[in-house]
């Protein structure tokens, strides 16, 4: 330290230089953190977007499947009903034809 300058002035200069150094260090630290955060964001956001897309796709697929199933159920029921009706009609016709044959024999 200089002997020519008063102690208070020397102390003020030392404090000022320390503050400036601290400020610069803080600024560089903030810049580094921002840079790192951007890198992380770049890595994370595509994954999030992909997950959202996949979720949308799966929900669409599920909706499609359920609608298909819903459409199939009435169709299946209708075919079963028609088959039952046809079977009933066939048995009734067979019974009628038997009765007619019996009557014809008399």
N, C-alpha and C. Protein backbone atom coordinates (compact mmCIF):
# COMPACT_ATOMS: atom_id res chain seq x y z
N UNK A 1 0.83 -1.18 0.00
CA UNK A 1 0.00 0.00 0.00
C UNK A 1 0.88 1.25 0.00
N UNK A 2 0.31 2.26 -0.57
CA UNK A 2 1.09 3.51 -0.65
C UNK A 2 1.05 4.26 0.66
N UNK A 3 2.21 4.82 1.02
CA UNK A 3 2.27 5.63 2.25
C UNK A 3 1.79 7.05 2.00
N UNK A 4 1.75 7.46 0.72
CA UNK A 4 1.36 8.83 0.39
C UNK A 4 -0.15 9.03 0.54
N UNK A 5 -0.93 8.00 0.24
CA UNK A 5 -2.39 8.12 0.34
C UNK A 5 -2.85 7.85 1.77
N UNK A 6 -3.94 8.55 2.16
CA UNK A 6 -4.47 8.28 3.49
C UNK A 6 -5.04 6.86 3.58
N UNK A 7 -5.07 6.35 4.78
CA UNK A 7 -5.52 4.96 5.01
C UNK A 7 -6.96 4.77 4.57
N UNK A 8 -7.80 5.74 4.81
CA UNK A 8 -9.22 5.61 4.42
C UNK A 8 -9.37 5.46 2.91
N UNK A 9 -8.59 6.25 2.18
CA UNK A 9 -8.67 6.18 0.72
C UNK A 9 -8.17 4.83 0.22
N UNK A 10 -7.10 4.34 0.83
CA UNK A 10 -6.57 3.02 0.45
C UNK A 10 -7.59 1.94 0.73
N UNK A 11 -8.26 2.06 1.88
CA UNK A 11 -9.28 1.08 2.26
C UNK A 11 -10.44 1.13 1.28
N UNK A 12 -10.85 2.33 0.90
CA UNK A 12 -11.97 2.48 -0.05
C UNK A 12 -11.62 1.85 -1.41
N UNK A 13 -10.39 2.08 -1.86
CA UNK A 13 -9.96 1.49 -3.13
C UNK A 13 -9.98 -0.03 -3.07
N UNK A 14 -9.50 -0.56 -1.97
CA UNK A 14 -9.47 -2.01 -1.79
C UNK A 14 -10.89 -2.58 -1.81
N UNK A 15 -11.79 -1.92 -1.08
CA UNK A 15 -13.19 -2.37 -1.02
C UNK A 15 -13.83 -2.28 -2.40
N UNK A 16 -13.57 -1.17 -3.10
CA UNK A 16 -14.15 -0.98 -4.44
C UNK A 16 -13.69 -2.07 -5.39
N UNK A 17 -12.39 -2.33 -5.38
CA UNK A 17 -11.88 -3.37 -6.28
C UNK A 17 -12.46 -4.75 -5.92
N UNK A 18 -12.63 -5.01 -4.63
CA UNK A 18 -13.22 -6.29 -4.19
C UNK A 18 -14.66 -6.40 -4.66
N UNK A 19 -15.41 -5.30 -4.55
CA UNK A 19 -16.81 -5.28 -4.98
C UNK A 19 -16.91 -5.53 -6.48
N UNK A 20 -16.03 -4.86 -7.24
CA UNK A 20 -16.04 -5.04 -8.69
C UNK A 20 -15.72 -6.47 -9.08
N UNK A 21 -14.73 -7.04 -8.40
CA UNK A 21 -14.36 -8.43 -8.68
C UNK A 21 -15.52 -9.38 -8.37
N UNK A 22 -16.19 -9.12 -7.25
CA UNK A 22 -17.32 -9.95 -6.85
C UNK A 22 -18.46 -9.81 -7.87
N UNK A 23 -18.68 -8.58 -8.30
CA UNK A 23 -19.75 -8.32 -9.28
C UNK A 23 -19.47 -9.07 -10.58
N UNK A 24 -18.24 -9.01 -11.05
CA UNK A 24 -17.86 -9.71 -12.28
C UNK A 24 -18.03 -11.22 -12.13
N UNK A 25 -17.61 -11.71 -10.97
CA UNK A 25 -17.74 -13.15 -10.72
C UNK A 25 -19.21 -13.56 -10.72
N UNK A 26 -20.05 -12.71 -10.11
CA UNK A 26 -21.48 -13.01 -10.06
C UNK A 26 -22.07 -13.01 -11.47
N UNK A 27 -21.68 -12.03 -12.27
CA UNK A 27 -22.19 -11.94 -13.64
C UNK A 27 -21.79 -13.16 -14.45
N UNK A 28 -20.52 -13.56 -14.35
CA UNK A 28 -20.07 -14.74 -15.11
C UNK A 28 -20.78 -16.00 -14.62
N UNK A 29 -21.00 -16.08 -13.30
CA UNK A 29 -21.71 -17.24 -12.75
C UNK A 29 -23.13 -17.31 -13.29
N UNK A 30 -23.80 -16.16 -13.33
CA UNK A 30 -25.17 -16.11 -13.85
C UNK A 30 -25.20 -16.52 -15.32
N UNK A 31 -24.23 -16.03 -16.08
CA UNK A 31 -24.17 -16.39 -17.50
C UNK A 31 -23.97 -17.90 -17.67
N UNK A 32 -23.09 -18.48 -16.87
CA UNK A 32 -22.85 -19.92 -16.96
C UNK A 32 -24.10 -20.71 -16.61
N UNK A 33 -24.79 -20.25 -15.56
CA UNK A 33 -26.02 -20.94 -15.13
C UNK A 33 -27.08 -20.86 -16.23
N UNK A 34 -27.21 -19.68 -16.84
CA UNK A 34 -28.19 -19.52 -17.92
C UNK A 34 -27.88 -20.45 -19.09
N UNK A 35 -26.58 -20.51 -19.43
CA UNK A 35 -26.15 -21.36 -20.53
C UNK A 35 -26.47 -22.83 -20.24
N UNK A 36 -26.16 -23.25 -19.01
CA UNK A 36 -26.43 -24.63 -18.61
C UNK A 36 -27.93 -24.92 -18.62
N UNK A 37 -28.72 -23.95 -18.16
CA UNK A 37 -30.17 -24.12 -18.14
C UNK A 37 -30.72 -24.27 -19.56
N UNK A 38 -30.16 -23.49 -20.49
CA UNK A 38 -30.60 -23.60 -21.88
C UNK A 38 -30.29 -24.98 -22.44
N UNK A 39 -29.09 -25.49 -22.12
CA UNK A 39 -28.71 -26.82 -22.59
C UNK A 39 -29.68 -27.87 -22.08
N UNK A 40 -29.97 -27.78 -20.79
CA UNK A 40 -30.88 -28.74 -20.17
C UNK A 40 -32.26 -28.63 -20.80
N UNK A 41 -32.70 -27.39 -21.02
CA UNK A 41 -34.02 -27.17 -21.61
C UNK A 41 -34.08 -27.78 -23.02
N UNK A 42 -33.00 -27.64 -23.76
CA UNK A 42 -32.97 -28.21 -25.10
C UNK A 42 -33.09 -29.73 -25.05
N UNK A 43 -32.47 -30.33 -24.05
CA UNK A 43 -32.52 -31.78 -23.94
C UNK A 43 -33.88 -32.26 -23.44
N UNK A 44 -34.47 -31.50 -22.52
CA UNK A 44 -35.70 -31.94 -21.87
C UNK A 44 -36.94 -31.69 -22.74
N UNK A 45 -37.02 -30.52 -23.38
CA UNK A 45 -38.24 -30.18 -24.12
C UNK A 45 -38.60 -31.15 -25.23
N UNK A 46 -37.66 -31.66 -26.02
CA UNK A 46 -38.08 -32.63 -27.03
C UNK A 46 -38.71 -33.87 -26.41
N UNK A 47 -38.17 -34.30 -25.27
CA UNK A 47 -38.73 -35.47 -24.60
C UNK A 47 -40.16 -35.20 -24.16
N UNK A 48 -40.37 -34.00 -23.60
CA UNK A 48 -41.73 -33.65 -23.17
C UNK A 48 -42.68 -33.63 -24.34
N UNK A 49 -42.23 -33.04 -25.45
CA UNK A 49 -43.06 -32.96 -26.64
C UNK A 49 -43.37 -34.36 -27.16
N UNK A 50 -42.36 -35.22 -27.15
CA UNK A 50 -42.55 -36.59 -27.61
C UNK A 50 -43.55 -37.33 -26.72
N UNK A 51 -43.44 -37.09 -25.40
CA UNK A 51 -44.37 -37.74 -24.48
C UNK A 51 -45.79 -37.26 -24.74
N UNK A 52 -45.93 -35.95 -24.96
CA UNK A 52 -47.27 -35.42 -25.24
C UNK A 52 -47.83 -36.02 -26.52
N UNK A 53 -46.97 -36.12 -27.55
CA UNK A 53 -47.41 -36.71 -28.82
C UNK A 53 -47.84 -38.15 -28.62
N UNK A 54 -47.01 -38.89 -27.88
CA UNK A 54 -47.30 -40.30 -27.62
C UNK A 54 -48.61 -40.43 -26.85
N UNK A 55 -48.80 -39.55 -25.89
CA UNK A 55 -50.04 -39.59 -25.11
C UNK A 55 -51.24 -39.30 -25.99
N UNK A 56 -51.08 -38.32 -26.88
CA UNK A 56 -52.17 -38.00 -27.80
C UNK A 56 -52.48 -39.18 -28.70
N UNK A 57 -51.40 -39.80 -29.23
CA UNK A 57 -51.58 -40.95 -30.12
C UNK A 57 -52.29 -42.08 -29.41
N UNK A 58 -51.83 -42.38 -28.20
CA UNK A 58 -52.41 -43.50 -27.46
C UNK A 58 -53.87 -43.22 -27.12
N UNK A 59 -54.18 -41.97 -26.78
CA UNK A 59 -55.57 -41.65 -26.48
C UNK A 59 -56.44 -41.75 -27.72
N UNK A 60 -55.87 -41.34 -28.87
CA UNK A 60 -56.61 -41.47 -30.13
C UNK A 60 -56.84 -42.94 -30.45
N UNK A 61 -55.77 -43.76 -30.26
CA UNK A 61 -55.90 -45.19 -30.52
C UNK A 61 -56.96 -45.82 -29.62
N UNK A 62 -56.92 -45.43 -28.35
CA UNK A 62 -57.87 -45.98 -27.40
C UNK A 62 -59.30 -45.60 -27.80
N UNK A 63 -59.46 -44.36 -28.22
CA UNK A 63 -60.78 -43.90 -28.65
C UNK A 63 -61.25 -44.68 -29.88
N UNK A 64 -60.31 -44.90 -30.80
CA UNK A 64 -60.63 -45.65 -32.00
C UNK A 64 -61.05 -47.08 -31.66
N UNK A 65 -60.26 -47.70 -30.77
CA UNK A 65 -60.55 -49.08 -30.37
C UNK A 65 -61.92 -49.18 -29.72
N UNK A 66 -62.18 -48.25 -28.78
CA UNK A 66 -63.45 -48.31 -28.07
C UNK A 66 -64.62 -48.08 -29.02
N UNK A 67 -64.43 -47.18 -29.99
CA UNK A 67 -65.51 -46.95 -30.95
C UNK A 67 -65.73 -48.18 -31.82
N UNK A 68 -64.61 -48.83 -32.19
CA UNK A 68 -64.72 -50.06 -32.98
C UNK A 68 -65.46 -51.14 -32.19
N UNK A 69 -65.07 -51.27 -30.92
CA UNK A 69 -65.71 -52.28 -30.07
C UNK A 69 -67.19 -51.97 -29.93
N UNK A 70 -67.48 -50.68 -29.73
CA UNK A 70 -68.87 -50.27 -29.57
C UNK A 70 -69.67 -50.57 -30.83
N UNK A 71 -69.04 -50.42 -31.97
CA UNK A 71 -69.72 -50.71 -33.24
C UNK A 71 -69.88 -52.22 -33.42
N UNK A 72 -68.89 -52.98 -32.96
CA UNK A 72 -68.94 -54.43 -33.12
C UNK A 72 -70.03 -55.06 -32.27
N UNK A 73 -70.22 -54.55 -31.04
CA UNK A 73 -71.18 -55.16 -30.12
C UNK A 73 -72.59 -55.23 -30.71
N UNK A 74 -73.13 -54.11 -31.19
CA UNK A 74 -74.48 -54.21 -31.75
C UNK A 74 -74.53 -55.13 -32.97
N UNK A 75 -73.46 -55.10 -33.76
CA UNK A 75 -73.43 -55.98 -34.94
C UNK A 75 -73.47 -57.44 -34.50
N UNK A 76 -72.66 -57.76 -33.49
CA UNK A 76 -72.64 -59.14 -32.98
C UNK A 76 -74.02 -59.53 -32.44
N UNK A 77 -74.61 -58.61 -31.67
CA UNK A 77 -75.93 -58.90 -31.10
C UNK A 77 -76.96 -59.11 -32.19
N UNK A 78 -76.88 -58.27 -33.21
CA UNK A 78 -77.84 -58.39 -34.31
C UNK A 78 -77.69 -59.73 -35.02
N UNK A 79 -76.45 -60.14 -35.27
CA UNK A 79 -76.24 -61.43 -35.95
C UNK A 79 -76.73 -62.58 -35.07
N UNK A 80 -76.46 -62.48 -33.77
CA UNK A 80 -76.93 -63.53 -32.86
C UNK A 80 -78.45 -63.60 -32.86
N UNK A 81 -79.08 -62.42 -32.81
CA UNK A 81 -80.55 -62.38 -32.79
C UNK A 81 -81.12 -62.99 -34.06
N UNK A 82 -80.54 -62.57 -35.18
CA UNK A 82 -81.06 -63.09 -36.46
C UNK A 82 -80.85 -64.60 -36.55
N UNK A 83 -79.71 -65.06 -36.06
CA UNK A 83 -79.46 -66.51 -36.07
C UNK A 83 -80.47 -67.24 -35.19
N UNK A 84 -80.76 -66.67 -34.03
CA UNK A 84 -81.75 -67.29 -33.13
C UNK A 84 -83.12 -67.33 -33.79
N UNK A 85 -83.47 -66.19 -34.40
CA UNK A 85 -84.78 -66.13 -35.06
C UNK A 85 -84.88 -67.15 -36.18
N UNK A 86 -83.81 -67.24 -36.94
CA UNK A 86 -83.80 -68.20 -38.05
C UNK A 86 -83.94 -69.63 -37.52
N UNK A 87 -83.23 -69.90 -36.43
CA UNK A 87 -83.32 -71.25 -35.83
C UNK A 87 -84.73 -71.52 -35.35
N UNK A 88 -85.36 -70.54 -34.70
CA UNK A 88 -86.73 -70.71 -34.21
C UNK A 88 -87.69 -70.96 -35.37
N UNK A 89 -87.51 -70.16 -36.43
CA UNK A 89 -88.38 -70.32 -37.59
C UNK A 89 -88.23 -71.71 -38.21
N UNK A 90 -86.99 -72.14 -38.27
CA UNK A 90 -86.73 -73.47 -38.87
C UNK A 90 -87.40 -74.55 -38.04
N UNK A 91 -87.30 -74.45 -36.71
CA UNK A 91 -87.93 -75.48 -35.86
C UNK A 91 -89.45 -75.41 -35.98
N UNK A 92 -89.99 -74.21 -36.08
CA UNK A 92 -91.45 -74.07 -36.23
C UNK A 92 -91.91 -74.66 -37.56
N UNK A 93 -91.13 -74.37 -38.61
CA UNK A 93 -91.49 -74.91 -39.93
C UNK A 93 -91.43 -76.43 -39.92
N UNK A 94 -90.39 -76.95 -39.26
CA UNK A 94 -90.26 -78.41 -39.19
C UNK A 94 -91.45 -79.00 -38.43
N UNK A 95 -91.84 -78.35 -37.35
CA UNK A 95 -92.98 -78.85 -36.57
C UNK A 95 -94.26 -78.78 -37.39
N UNK A 96 -94.44 -77.68 -38.12
CA UNK A 96 -95.64 -77.52 -38.95
C UNK A 96 -95.69 -78.59 -40.04
N UNK A 97 -94.52 -78.81 -40.68
CA UNK A 97 -94.49 -79.79 -41.76
C UNK A 97 -94.77 -81.20 -41.22
N UNK A 98 -94.32 -81.48 -39.99
CA UNK A 98 -94.60 -82.78 -39.37
C UNK A 98 -96.10 -82.93 -39.14
N UNK A 99 -96.72 -81.85 -38.63
CA UNK A 99 -98.17 -81.88 -38.38
C UNK A 99 -98.93 -82.11 -39.68
N UNK A 100 -98.48 -81.41 -40.72
CA UNK A 100 -99.14 -81.55 -42.02
C UNK A 100 -99.00 -82.98 -42.54
N UNK A 101 -97.83 -83.54 -42.34
CA UNK A 101 -97.60 -84.90 -42.80
C UNK A 101 -98.48 -85.89 -42.04
N UNK A 102 -98.62 -85.65 -40.72
CA UNK A 102 -99.49 -86.52 -39.92
C UNK A 102 -100.92 -86.41 -40.39
N UNK A 103 -101.35 -85.17 -40.66
CA UNK A 103 -102.74 -84.97 -41.12
C UNK A 103 -102.97 -85.64 -42.46
N UNK A 104 -101.96 -85.55 -43.28
CA UNK A 104 -102.10 -86.13 -44.62
C UNK A 104 -102.22 -87.65 -44.53
N UNK A 105 -101.55 -88.27 -43.57
CA UNK A 105 -101.62 -89.72 -43.41
C UNK A 105 -103.02 -90.15 -43.00
N UNK A 106 -103.71 -89.36 -42.21
CA UNK A 106 -105.04 -89.74 -41.72
C UNK A 106 -105.97 -89.80 -42.85
